[in-house]
Amino acid sequence: MTLAEFRSTLSAATPPAELMPALVALWHDAKGDWDEAHRIAQDIEDADGAWVHAYLHRKEGDLSNAGYWYRRANKAEARDALDVEWERIVVALLTP
């Protein structure tokens, strides 16, 4: 799936069944459901989940918590626009 194809799924009521949980979390975030995105992300116990979790706490404005999750993901703390970071994570997760 490409980024454009992923974005096109945002018009649906539910995320595509084949998406990994980290992408499902970002799908819900893009739909404006931060709480559902966070609920999903906090149950993912790998680096991808930690990266999404970091992004969500950054979006929330809880930068110290975001910093913890960026370290767990082994990623530098993002400083760019939230929509740019969202896209970067989606592209990374869609890339095999």
N, C-alpha and C. Protein backbone atom coordinates (compact mmCIF):
# COMPACT_ATOMS: atom_id res chain seq x y z
N MET A 1 0.85 -1.18 0.00
CA MET A 1 0.00 0.00 0.00
C MET A 1 0.89 1.24 0.00
N THR A 2 0.50 2.23 -0.76
CA THR A 2 1.23 3.50 -0.81
C THR A 2 0.61 4.49 0.18
N LEU A 3 1.30 5.59 0.38
CA LEU A 3 0.76 6.65 1.24
C LEU A 3 -0.57 7.15 0.68
N ALA A 4 -0.64 7.35 -0.63
CA ALA A 4 -1.89 7.84 -1.24
C ALA A 4 -3.02 6.83 -1.04
N GLU A 5 -2.72 5.55 -1.17
CA GLU A 5 -3.74 4.53 -0.95
C GLU A 5 -4.17 4.51 0.52
N PHE A 6 -3.20 4.66 1.42
CA PHE A 6 -3.53 4.72 2.85
C PHE A 6 -4.45 5.91 3.12
N ARG A 7 -4.09 7.07 2.59
CA ARG A 7 -4.93 8.26 2.79
C ARG A 7 -6.33 8.03 2.23
N SER A 8 -6.44 7.33 1.11
CA SER A 8 -7.76 7.11 0.51
C SER A 8 -8.66 6.26 1.40
N THR A 9 -8.07 5.46 2.27
CA THR A 9 -8.88 4.63 3.17
C THR A 9 -9.52 5.45 4.28
N LEU A 10 -9.07 6.68 4.46
CA LEU A 10 -9.59 7.51 5.54
C LEU A 10 -11.05 7.92 5.33
N SER A 11 -11.57 7.72 4.13
CA SER A 11 -12.98 8.02 3.89
C SER A 11 -13.89 6.87 4.33
N ALA A 12 -13.31 5.74 4.67
CA ALA A 12 -14.09 4.58 5.11
C ALA A 12 -14.42 4.71 6.60
N ALA A 13 -15.38 3.93 7.04
CA ALA A 13 -15.80 3.94 8.44
C ALA A 13 -14.85 3.15 9.34
N THR A 14 -14.14 2.20 8.76
CA THR A 14 -13.21 1.38 9.52
C THR A 14 -11.91 1.23 8.74
N PRO A 15 -10.81 0.99 9.46
CA PRO A 15 -9.53 0.82 8.77
C PRO A 15 -9.47 -0.50 8.02
N PRO A 16 -8.64 -0.58 7.00
CA PRO A 16 -8.47 -1.85 6.28
C PRO A 16 -8.01 -2.95 7.23
N ALA A 17 -8.54 -4.12 7.05
CA ALA A 17 -8.24 -5.25 7.95
C ALA A 17 -6.77 -5.66 7.91
N GLU A 18 -6.10 -5.41 6.79
CA GLU A 18 -4.72 -5.88 6.65
C GLU A 18 -3.68 -4.98 7.31
N LEU A 19 -4.09 -3.85 7.87
CA LEU A 19 -3.13 -2.93 8.47
C LEU A 19 -2.57 -3.47 9.78
N MET A 20 -1.28 -3.27 9.99
CA MET A 20 -0.67 -3.59 11.28
C MET A 20 -1.20 -2.62 12.33
N PRO A 21 -1.19 -3.00 13.59
CA PRO A 21 -1.77 -2.15 14.64
C PRO A 21 -1.22 -0.72 14.67
N ALA A 22 0.07 -0.52 14.45
CA ALA A 22 0.62 0.84 14.48
C ALA A 22 -0.02 1.72 13.40
N LEU A 23 -0.27 1.14 12.23
CA LEU A 23 -0.94 1.90 11.17
C LEU A 23 -2.41 2.12 11.49
N VAL A 24 -3.02 1.17 12.15
CA VAL A 24 -4.42 1.36 12.57
C VAL A 24 -4.51 2.53 13.54
N ALA A 25 -3.54 2.63 14.44
CA ALA A 25 -3.52 3.76 15.38
C ALA A 25 -3.38 5.08 14.63
N LEU A 26 -2.49 5.13 13.65
CA LEU A 26 -2.32 6.36 12.87
C LEU A 26 -3.55 6.65 12.02
N TRP A 27 -4.24 5.62 11.57
CA TRP A 27 -5.48 5.79 10.81
C TRP A 27 -6.52 6.48 11.70
N HIS A 28 -6.67 6.01 12.92
CA HIS A 28 -7.63 6.63 13.84
C HIS A 28 -7.23 8.07 14.18
N ASP A 29 -5.94 8.30 14.35
CA ASP A 29 -5.47 9.66 14.61
C ASP A 29 -5.84 10.58 13.47
N ALA A 30 -5.64 10.12 12.24
CA ALA A 30 -5.97 10.95 11.07
C ALA A 30 -7.47 11.22 10.99
N LYS A 31 -8.26 10.32 11.53
CA LYS A 31 -9.72 10.50 11.54
C LYS A 31 -10.17 11.38 12.71
N GLY A 32 -9.22 11.84 13.52
CA GLY A 32 -9.54 12.73 14.63
C GLY A 32 -9.86 12.02 15.93
N ASP A 33 -9.57 10.72 16.00
CA ASP A 33 -9.87 9.95 17.21
C ASP A 33 -8.56 9.63 17.95
N TRP A 34 -8.02 10.65 18.63
CA TRP A 34 -6.77 10.50 19.36
C TRP A 34 -6.89 9.41 20.42
N ASP A 35 -8.01 9.37 21.13
CA ASP A 35 -8.17 8.40 22.21
C ASP A 35 -8.06 6.96 21.71
N GLU A 36 -8.72 6.65 20.60
CA GLU A 36 -8.64 5.30 20.05
C GLU A 36 -7.23 5.02 19.53
N ALA A 37 -6.61 6.01 18.91
CA ALA A 37 -5.24 5.85 18.44
C ALA A 37 -4.31 5.53 19.61
N HIS A 38 -4.48 6.25 20.70
CA HIS A 38 -3.64 6.04 21.87
C HIS A 38 -3.93 4.68 22.51
N ARG A 39 -5.17 4.29 22.58
CA ARG A 39 -5.54 2.99 23.16
C ARG A 39 -4.83 1.87 22.41
N ILE A 40 -4.82 1.97 21.08
CA ILE A 40 -4.16 0.95 20.26
C ILE A 40 -2.65 1.01 20.44
N ALA A 41 -2.09 2.20 20.37
CA ALA A 41 -0.63 2.35 20.44
C ALA A 41 -0.06 1.85 21.76
N GLN A 42 -0.76 2.09 22.85
CA GLN A 42 -0.21 1.68 24.15
C GLN A 42 -0.18 0.17 24.34
N ASP A 43 -0.88 -0.56 23.49
CA ASP A 43 -0.86 -2.02 23.56
C ASP A 43 0.14 -2.67 22.60
N ILE A 44 0.87 -1.86 21.83
CA ILE A 44 1.87 -2.38 20.89
C ILE A 44 3.22 -2.35 21.60
N GLU A 45 3.83 -3.51 21.71
CA GLU A 45 5.04 -3.61 22.53
C GLU A 45 6.32 -3.70 21.70
N ASP A 46 6.35 -3.01 20.57
CA ASP A 46 7.58 -2.99 19.78
C ASP A 46 7.97 -1.55 19.47
N ALA A 47 9.06 -1.38 18.74
CA ALA A 47 9.57 -0.04 18.44
C ALA A 47 8.59 0.76 17.59
N ASP A 48 7.87 0.11 16.69
CA ASP A 48 6.88 0.83 15.87
C ASP A 48 5.79 1.41 16.76
N GLY A 49 5.31 0.62 17.69
CA GLY A 49 4.29 1.10 18.61
C GLY A 49 4.80 2.24 19.48
N ALA A 50 6.04 2.13 19.91
CA ALA A 50 6.64 3.20 20.72
C ALA A 50 6.75 4.49 19.91
N TRP A 51 7.08 4.37 18.63
CA TRP A 51 7.20 5.57 17.78
C TRP A 51 5.85 6.24 17.62
N VAL A 52 4.82 5.46 17.35
CA VAL A 52 3.47 6.02 17.22
C VAL A 52 3.03 6.62 18.56
N HIS A 53 3.34 5.93 19.64
CA HIS A 53 2.98 6.41 20.98
C HIS A 53 3.67 7.76 21.25
N ALA A 54 4.94 7.86 20.86
CA ALA A 54 5.67 9.12 21.02
C ALA A 54 5.00 10.25 20.25
N TYR A 55 4.69 9.98 18.99
CA TYR A 55 4.02 10.98 18.15
C TYR A 55 2.71 11.44 18.81
N LEU A 56 1.92 10.49 19.30
CA LEU A 56 0.63 10.84 19.89
C LEU A 56 0.79 11.71 21.13
N HIS A 57 1.78 11.40 21.97
CA HIS A 57 1.99 12.24 23.16
C HIS A 57 2.55 13.60 22.77
N ARG A 58 3.34 13.65 21.72
CA ARG A 58 3.81 14.95 21.22
C ARG A 58 2.61 15.77 20.74
N LYS A 59 1.72 15.13 20.02
CA LYS A 59 0.52 15.81 19.53
C LYS A 59 -0.33 16.31 20.69
N GLU A 60 -0.40 15.51 21.73
CA GLU A 60 -1.17 15.86 22.92
C GLU A 60 -0.54 17.05 23.66
N GLY A 61 0.76 17.24 23.45
CA GLY A 61 1.47 18.31 24.14
C GLY A 61 2.23 17.84 25.37
N ASP A 62 2.26 16.53 25.61
CA ASP A 62 2.97 15.94 26.74
C ASP A 62 4.37 15.55 26.28
N LEU A 63 5.24 16.56 26.20
CA LEU A 63 6.55 16.37 25.59
C LEU A 63 7.48 15.49 26.41
N SER A 64 7.37 15.51 27.73
CA SER A 64 8.24 14.64 28.52
C SER A 64 7.86 13.18 28.31
N ASN A 65 6.58 12.88 28.25
CA ASN A 65 6.13 11.52 27.98
C ASN A 65 6.50 11.12 26.55
N ALA A 66 6.35 12.04 25.62
CA ALA A 66 6.75 11.77 24.24
C ALA A 66 8.23 11.43 24.18
N GLY A 67 9.06 12.17 24.91
CA GLY A 67 10.49 11.90 24.94
C GLY A 67 10.80 10.48 25.39
N TYR A 68 10.10 10.02 26.40
CA TYR A 68 10.28 8.65 26.88
C TYR A 68 10.00 7.66 25.76
N TRP A 69 8.91 7.87 25.02
CA TRP A 69 8.52 6.93 23.97
C TRP A 69 9.44 7.02 22.75
N TYR A 70 9.95 8.22 22.45
CA TYR A 70 10.94 8.33 21.37
C TYR A 70 12.19 7.52 21.73
N ARG A 71 12.61 7.59 22.99
CA ARG A 71 13.77 6.80 23.40
C ARG A 71 13.48 5.31 23.30
N ARG A 72 12.28 4.89 23.70
CA ARG A 72 11.91 3.47 23.58
C ARG A 72 11.89 3.02 22.11
N ALA A 73 11.55 3.94 21.21
CA ALA A 73 11.51 3.63 19.77
C ALA A 73 12.87 3.76 19.12
N ASN A 74 13.85 4.28 19.89
CA ASN A 74 15.18 4.54 19.35
C ASN A 74 15.12 5.54 18.19
N LYS A 75 14.31 6.58 18.38
CA LYS A 75 14.15 7.64 17.39
C LYS A 75 14.48 8.99 18.04
N ALA A 76 15.00 9.89 17.24
CA ALA A 76 15.23 11.25 17.72
C ALA A 76 13.87 11.93 17.92
N GLU A 77 13.81 12.79 18.93
CA GLU A 77 12.57 13.52 19.16
C GLU A 77 12.28 14.41 17.95
N ALA A 78 11.08 14.31 17.44
CA ALA A 78 10.69 15.09 16.26
C ALA A 78 10.53 16.56 16.63
N ARG A 79 10.88 17.40 15.70
CA ARG A 79 10.75 18.85 15.89
C ARG A 79 9.97 19.48 14.74
N ASP A 80 9.64 18.69 13.73
CA ASP A 80 8.94 19.24 12.57
C ASP A 80 7.43 19.26 12.84
N ALA A 81 6.68 19.68 11.85
CA ALA A 81 5.22 19.77 12.00
C ALA A 81 4.64 18.38 12.24
N LEU A 82 3.58 18.32 13.01
CA LEU A 82 2.94 17.04 13.33
C LEU A 82 2.50 16.29 12.09
N ASP A 83 1.95 17.00 11.11
CA ASP A 83 1.49 16.31 9.90
C ASP A 83 2.66 15.73 9.11
N VAL A 84 3.81 16.37 9.18
CA VAL A 84 5.00 15.86 8.51
C VAL A 84 5.49 14.60 9.22
N GLU A 85 5.48 14.63 10.54
CA GLU A 85 5.88 13.44 11.29
C GLU A 85 4.91 12.29 11.05
N TRP A 86 3.62 12.56 11.07
CA TRP A 86 2.61 11.52 10.82
C TRP A 86 2.90 10.84 9.48
N GLU A 87 3.13 11.66 8.46
CA GLU A 87 3.41 11.11 7.13
C GLU A 87 4.70 10.29 7.12
N ARG A 88 5.72 10.78 7.80
CA ARG A 88 7.00 10.06 7.84
C ARG A 88 6.82 8.68 8.50
N ILE A 89 6.05 8.63 9.58
CA ILE A 89 5.83 7.35 10.24
C ILE A 89 5.02 6.41 9.35
N VAL A 90 3.96 6.92 8.75
CA VAL A 90 3.13 6.09 7.88
C VAL A 90 3.98 5.51 6.75
N VAL A 91 4.76 6.35 6.08
CA VAL A 91 5.59 5.89 4.97
C VAL A 91 6.57 4.82 5.46
N ALA A 92 7.21 5.05 6.61
CA ALA A 92 8.16 4.08 7.15
C ALA A 92 7.48 2.75 7.43
N LEU A 93 6.29 2.79 7.98
CA LEU A 93 5.58 1.56 8.33
C LEU A 93 5.01 0.84 7.10
N LEU A 94 4.74 1.59 6.05
CA LEU A 94 4.25 0.98 4.82
C LEU A 94 5.36 0.39 3.96
N THR A 95 6.59 0.81 4.22
CA THR A 95 7.74 0.37 3.43
C THR A 95 8.24 -0.98 3.96
N PRO A 96 8.22 -1.99 3.11
CA PRO A 96 8.68 -3.31 3.58
C PRO A 96 10.17 -3.37 3.87
